[in-house]
Amino acid sequence: MQKSSASTILARWSGVNSQTASTLLLRRLNSVNTSRRAVQLRPFRLPASGGPTKDAKKDDGRNLFVVRILAQTETMLVFVEDPSAPLRKEVGQSEGEASMDVDKPDEVAVKEKPGHTRWTSCTLGGATQSSPLATPFDAFLQRVLLGGGPSANMSPAGAWIPRSAAISIEGFIVLCSSGAAGSQPDWEVKVGTVMIKGGAANGTTKGILVEATYLPVPFLPPESTFVKDFLTTLFPPQALANGEIEWISVPQDDFYEAGLNTRREGDDEDDFEWTESHSALTYLKVFKKEGLL
């Protein structure tokens, strides 16, 4: 049972001129401080071993996503999706289960824990602009994961193959106050233009992505519409009435499956504090749903 919700909400305005929309939203914010932010999402594919067969499922093989978030600091996140692996909650339920062969009642087999679950994630972040993660990680990615090949056509068997198109989100982080001028900021709003990099649609913009966080508290009651109500005031009423704004909601189970639960001792079971990792996974879910990744 969900005890609370994070004090962060995301909205997608995909069918709009991104420059016009970003300017409009920025004008409506009582900005205390504005800084630039960029996100890069690079997808890779590892085909199923043995090559394609007529019996192979569409989801055979693994997907790897490298998410690089560039703001005051640089954060690198890696997500691996293996559709053939069990869910994390299934592993938790079955781990340590014992089974007995009726023909051999004296022998008991204990189900082993799999090497990994459907989603695996790790964070490599914390670098500064003067000492970025990009260069050493790109070298590792090229040498180890991609097998040293600069393109899919030159990658050896068993290496990850880069997809032709990646996604970038380029925009701003705005700290703003709902109180009097000079007061401490109580809102953080991220506004970014979504753009396709590479492939046949290189340079195409796909609207904007907006993310709002209420800073004073990490959790809100599950039925609270407080953050959504604030974000609603930034969008034109006509766009809301026409259904142009998509409110993004990722089930907490998805965060748990990716190992992003940030539960602390003493917190309610479903309480978690939103992090850049939660944002990154949400971006992946959104763009996969739209067919961009």
Protein backbone atom coordinates (compact mmCIF):
# COMPACT_ATOMS: atom_id res chain seq x y z
CA MET A 1 0.00 0.00 0.00
CA GLN A 2 1.36 3.41 -0.98
CA LYS A 3 1.89 5.55 2.12
CA SER A 4 3.17 8.69 0.35
CA SER A 5 4.28 10.11 -2.96
CA ALA A 6 7.44 11.94 -3.96
CA SER A 7 7.26 15.72 -4.09
CA THR A 8 8.26 15.63 -7.78
CA ILE A 9 6.06 15.47 -10.86
CA LEU A 10 6.85 15.46 -14.59
CA ALA A 11 4.83 16.67 -17.55
CA ARG A 12 5.33 16.19 -21.28
CA TRP A 13 4.27 18.74 -23.89
CA SER A 14 5.30 16.93 -27.05
CA GLY A 15 3.41 18.71 -29.84
CA VAL A 16 4.62 22.24 -29.21
CA ASN A 17 7.33 24.51 -30.56
CA SER A 18 9.96 23.93 -27.91
CA GLN A 19 11.53 27.39 -28.03
CA THR A 20 8.17 29.14 -27.67
CA ALA A 21 7.03 26.83 -24.87
CA SER A 22 10.28 27.09 -22.89
CA THR A 23 10.23 30.89 -23.09
CA LEU A 24 6.60 30.96 -21.95
CA LEU A 25 7.23 28.74 -18.92
CA LEU A 26 10.38 30.58 -17.87
CA ARG A 27 8.51 33.90 -17.90
CA ARG A 28 5.90 32.53 -15.52
CA LEU A 29 8.43 31.48 -12.90
CA ASN A 30 9.53 33.80 -10.09
CA SER A 31 13.16 32.87 -10.64
CA VAL A 32 15.71 33.15 -7.84
CA ASN A 33 18.45 31.41 -9.81
CA THR A 34 18.67 29.88 -13.28
CA SER A 35 21.34 27.49 -14.54
CA ARG A 36 21.80 25.35 -17.61
CA ARG A 37 21.13 21.61 -17.67
CA ALA A 38 21.62 18.99 -20.36
CA VAL A 39 20.77 15.29 -20.45
CA GLN A 40 22.06 12.76 -22.97
CA LEU A 41 20.45 9.33 -23.37
CA ARG A 42 22.43 6.85 -25.47
CA PRO A 43 20.87 3.44 -26.21
CA PHE A 44 22.81 0.25 -27.01
CA ARG A 45 21.74 -3.26 -27.93
CA LEU A 46 23.26 -6.68 -27.22
CA PRO A 47 21.67 -9.26 -29.56
CA ALA A 48 20.69 -12.62 -28.15
CA SER A 49 23.53 -15.15 -28.23
CA GLY A 50 23.47 -17.52 -31.15
CA GLY A 51 22.02 -14.98 -33.53
CA PRO A 52 18.42 -14.55 -34.66
CA THR A 53 16.23 -17.60 -35.18
CA LYS A 54 12.66 -18.10 -36.29
CA ASP A 55 11.75 -18.92 -32.68
CA ALA A 56 13.45 -15.85 -31.21
CA LYS A 57 11.17 -13.41 -29.44
CA LYS A 58 11.15 -9.74 -30.32
CA ASP A 59 12.54 -8.88 -26.87
CA ASP A 60 15.44 -11.34 -27.06
CA GLY A 61 18.73 -9.67 -26.27
CA ARG A 62 19.56 -6.88 -23.82
CA ASN A 63 19.26 -3.11 -23.87
CA LEU A 64 21.75 -0.74 -22.26
CA PHE A 65 21.08 2.95 -21.67
CA VAL A 66 23.74 5.46 -20.69
CA VAL A 67 22.27 8.63 -19.18
CA ARG A 68 24.57 11.59 -18.68
CA ILE A 69 23.22 14.56 -16.73
CA LEU A 70 25.24 17.75 -16.99
CA ALA A 71 24.46 20.55 -14.54
CA GLN A 72 26.63 22.01 -11.77
CA THR A 73 28.04 18.50 -11.46
CA GLU A 74 28.07 15.61 -13.89
CA THR A 75 26.14 12.43 -13.13
CA MET A 76 26.46 9.27 -15.20
CA LEU A 77 23.85 6.53 -14.88
CA VAL A 78 23.75 3.15 -16.59
CA PHE A 79 20.63 0.99 -16.92
CA VAL A 80 20.59 -2.53 -18.36
CA GLU A 81 17.33 -4.20 -19.35
CA ASP A 82 17.23 -7.96 -19.89
CA PRO A 83 13.67 -9.00 -20.83
CA SER A 84 14.55 -12.68 -20.35
CA ALA A 85 15.56 -12.21 -16.68
CA PRO A 86 13.10 -12.50 -13.78
CA LEU A 87 11.64 -9.48 -12.01
CA ARG A 88 13.25 -8.40 -8.77
CA LYS A 89 10.07 -9.04 -6.80
CA GLU A 90 9.88 -12.56 -8.23
CA VAL A 91 13.44 -13.25 -7.09
CA GLY A 92 12.62 -11.93 -3.63
CA GLN A 93 9.63 -14.26 -3.39
CA SER A 94 11.36 -17.37 -4.70
CA GLU A 95 14.84 -16.96 -3.18
CA GLY A 96 15.62 -19.86 -0.88
CA GLU A 97 12.57 -21.87 -1.90
CA ALA A 98 13.04 -25.60 -1.56
CA SER A 99 11.51 -28.24 -3.83
CA MET A 100 11.39 -32.00 -3.53
CA ASP A 101 11.34 -34.63 -6.24
CA VAL A 102 8.56 -37.11 -5.41
CA ASP A 103 10.71 -39.95 -6.78
CA LYS A 104 13.62 -38.91 -4.55
CA PRO A 105 12.07 -37.76 -1.24
CA ASP A 106 15.45 -37.63 0.49
CA GLU A 107 16.83 -35.03 -1.95
CA VAL A 108 15.82 -31.40 -1.57
CA ALA A 109 16.76 -28.81 -4.21
CA VAL A 110 17.07 -25.16 -3.24
CA LYS A 111 16.30 -22.66 -5.97
CA GLU A 112 19.39 -20.57 -6.69
CA LYS A 113 19.31 -16.82 -6.94
CA PRO A 114 19.79 -15.66 -10.58
CA GLY A 115 22.85 -13.63 -11.50
CA HIS A 116 20.76 -10.55 -12.27
CA THR A 117 17.18 -9.37 -12.55
CA ARG A 118 15.32 -7.70 -15.42
CA TRP A 119 16.63 -4.22 -14.66
CA THR A 120 20.10 -3.39 -13.35
CA SER A 121 21.34 0.12 -12.63
CA CYS A 122 24.38 1.91 -11.31
CA THR A 123 25.42 5.50 -10.80
CA LEU A 124 28.89 6.72 -11.73
CA GLY A 125 28.21 10.35 -10.94
CA GLY A 126 29.61 13.07 -8.76
CA ALA A 127 32.21 14.61 -11.07
CA THR A 128 32.67 18.34 -11.58
CA GLN A 129 32.94 20.20 -14.85
CA SER A 130 36.67 20.60 -14.31
CA SER A 131 37.08 16.84 -13.77
CA PRO A 132 34.37 15.22 -15.93
CA LEU A 133 33.39 11.56 -16.09
CA ALA A 134 32.78 11.63 -19.82
CA THR A 135 36.28 10.99 -21.11
CA PRO A 136 37.26 7.98 -18.95
CA PHE A 137 33.81 6.40 -19.20
CA ASP A 138 33.64 6.85 -22.96
CA ALA A 139 37.03 5.17 -23.23
CA PHE A 140 35.79 2.26 -21.08
CA LEU A 141 32.59 2.03 -23.11
CA GLN A 142 34.49 1.94 -26.38
CA ARG A 143 37.13 -0.55 -25.24
CA VAL A 144 35.16 -3.01 -23.11
CA LEU A 145 31.47 -2.85 -23.96
CA LEU A 146 31.71 -1.94 -27.64
CA GLY A 147 34.74 -4.11 -28.32
CA GLY A 148 36.73 -1.21 -29.68
CA GLY A 149 34.57 -0.84 -32.78
CA PRO A 150 33.60 2.74 -33.67
CA SER A 151 30.31 1.66 -35.28
CA ALA A 152 27.79 -1.17 -35.32
CA ASN A 153 29.24 -2.49 -38.58
CA MET A 154 32.70 -2.85 -37.02
CA SER A 155 31.67 -4.21 -33.59
CA PRO A 156 32.82 -7.78 -32.94
CA ALA A 157 30.42 -10.54 -31.95
CA GLY A 158 29.30 -10.28 -28.34
CA ALA A 159 29.77 -6.50 -28.18
CA TRP A 160 27.10 -3.92 -27.47
CA ILE A 161 25.84 -2.22 -30.63
CA PRO A 162 25.05 1.52 -30.42
CA ARG A 163 21.63 2.49 -31.75
CA SER A 164 21.61 4.99 -34.58
CA ALA A 165 19.69 7.66 -32.67
CA ALA A 166 20.09 9.08 -29.17
CA ILE A 167 18.04 11.60 -27.19
CA SER A 168 19.10 14.90 -25.68
CA ILE A 169 17.23 17.19 -23.30
CA GLU A 170 18.65 20.70 -23.26
CA GLY A 171 17.34 23.48 -21.07
CA PHE A 172 17.43 25.05 -17.64
CA ILE A 173 17.05 24.45 -13.92
CA VAL A 174 15.06 27.24 -12.32
CA LEU A 175 14.98 27.76 -8.57
CA CYS A 176 11.97 29.89 -7.76
CA SER A 177 10.04 31.18 -4.80
CA SER A 178 6.31 31.39 -4.28
CA GLY A 179 6.84 33.98 -1.53
CA ALA A 180 8.13 37.54 -1.41
CA ALA A 181 11.11 38.65 -3.44
CA GLY A 182 14.39 37.62 -1.83
CA SER A 183 12.91 34.66 0.04
CA GLN A 184 14.43 31.21 -0.14
CA PRO A 185 13.45 29.10 -3.17
CA ASP A 186 10.85 26.45 -2.48
CA TRP A 187 10.52 25.10 -6.03
CA GLU A 188 12.95 23.57 -8.50
CA VAL A 189 11.68 23.44 -12.08
CA LYS A 190 13.57 21.75 -14.91
CA VAL A 191 12.51 22.76 -18.42
CA GLY A 192 14.15 21.03 -21.37
CA THR A 193 13.79 20.69 -25.13
CA VAL A 194 13.70 17.07 -26.31
CA MET A 195 15.80 16.47 -29.43
CA ILE A 196 16.80 13.44 -31.50
CA LYS A 197 20.53 13.11 -32.14
CA GLY A 198 21.70 10.93 -35.03
CA GLY A 199 19.82 8.69 -37.43
CA ALA A 200 17.37 9.76 -40.12
CA ALA A 201 15.58 12.18 -37.77
CA ASN A 202 18.76 13.91 -36.53
CA GLY A 203 18.04 17.39 -35.20
CA THR A 204 14.27 16.88 -34.91
CA THR A 205 12.73 18.41 -31.77
CA LYS A 206 10.00 16.57 -29.89
CA GLY A 207 8.51 19.24 -27.66
CA ILE A 208 9.53 19.80 -24.05
CA LEU A 209 9.78 17.92 -20.77
CA VAL A 210 9.05 19.72 -17.50
CA GLU A 211 9.92 18.46 -14.02
CA ALA A 212 8.87 20.24 -10.83
CA THR A 213 10.00 19.50 -7.27
CA TYR A 214 8.71 21.02 -4.05
CA LEU A 215 11.91 21.47 -2.04
CA PRO A 216 10.77 21.86 1.60
CA VAL A 217 9.59 18.23 1.98
CA PRO A 218 10.63 14.93 0.33
CA PHE A 219 7.21 13.26 0.61
CA LEU A 220 3.57 14.25 0.23
CA PRO A 221 0.34 12.38 0.99
CA PRO A 222 -0.50 9.96 -1.87
CA GLU A 223 -3.71 11.83 -2.73
CA SER A 224 -1.99 15.25 -2.78
CA THR A 225 -2.27 17.32 -5.98
CA PHE A 226 -0.15 20.15 -4.58
CA VAL A 227 2.81 19.82 -6.99
CA LYS A 228 0.58 19.14 -10.00
CA ASP A 229 -1.53 22.20 -9.17
CA PHE A 230 1.60 24.36 -9.13
CA LEU A 231 2.82 22.98 -12.45
CA THR A 232 -0.63 23.44 -13.96
CA THR A 233 -0.36 27.21 -13.44
CA LEU A 234 2.63 27.34 -15.80
CA PHE A 235 0.85 25.89 -18.84
CA PRO A 236 -1.60 27.80 -21.06
CA PRO A 237 -5.23 26.95 -20.15
CA GLN A 238 -5.98 26.11 -23.78
CA ALA A 239 -3.19 23.53 -23.91
CA LEU A 240 -4.55 21.91 -20.76
CA ALA A 241 -8.11 21.95 -22.07
CA ASN A 242 -7.03 20.35 -25.36
CA GLY A 243 -5.24 17.53 -23.55
CA GLU A 244 -1.83 18.56 -24.94
CA ILE A 245 -0.15 18.11 -21.54
CA GLU A 246 0.65 14.54 -20.50
CA TRP A 247 1.16 14.01 -16.78
CA ILE A 248 3.83 11.38 -16.30
CA SER A 249 3.48 8.79 -13.59
CA VAL A 250 5.87 5.87 -13.14
CA PRO A 251 4.72 3.10 -10.77
CA GLN A 252 6.88 2.78 -7.68
CA ASP A 253 7.32 -0.89 -8.59
CA ASP A 254 9.37 0.24 -11.61
CA PHE A 255 11.78 2.09 -9.34
CA TYR A 256 12.00 -0.94 -7.07
CA GLU A 257 12.71 -3.22 -10.04
CA ALA A 258 15.62 -1.00 -11.09
CA GLY A 259 17.03 -0.99 -7.55
CA LEU A 260 16.34 2.73 -7.03
CA ASN A 261 14.37 2.43 -3.81
CA THR A 262 15.86 4.83 -1.30
CA ARG A 263 13.99 3.61 1.77
CA ARG A 264 15.64 4.51 5.03
CA GLU A 265 15.25 2.83 8.38
CA GLY A 266 12.17 4.15 10.13
CA ASP A 267 10.43 5.35 6.95
CA ASP A 268 7.15 3.90 5.79
CA GLU A 269 7.68 1.06 3.34
CA ASP A 270 6.77 3.02 0.22
CA ASP A 271 8.39 6.34 1.14
CA PHE A 272 11.32 7.31 -1.05
CA GLU A 273 13.22 10.47 -1.82
CA TRP A 274 13.38 11.46 -5.48
CA THR A 275 16.87 11.53 -7.01
CA GLU A 276 18.44 12.07 -10.41
CA SER A 277 18.30 8.29 -10.84
CA HIS A 278 14.51 8.38 -10.57
CA SER A 279 14.42 11.19 -13.13
CA ALA A 280 16.68 9.25 -15.52
CA LEU A 281 14.59 6.07 -15.35
CA THR A 282 11.43 8.11 -15.88
CA TYR A 283 12.94 9.67 -19.02
CA LEU A 284 13.77 6.19 -20.34
CA LYS A 285 10.24 4.94 -19.68
CA VAL A 286 8.70 7.98 -21.39
CA PHE A 287 10.87 7.82 -24.52
CA LYS A 288 10.53 4.05 -24.83
CA LYS A 289 6.76 4.48 -24.71
CA GLU A 290 6.97 7.15 -27.44
CA GLY A 291 9.15 4.89 -29.60
CA LEU A 292 12.12 7.27 -29.48
CA LEU A 293 14.45 4.75 -27.80
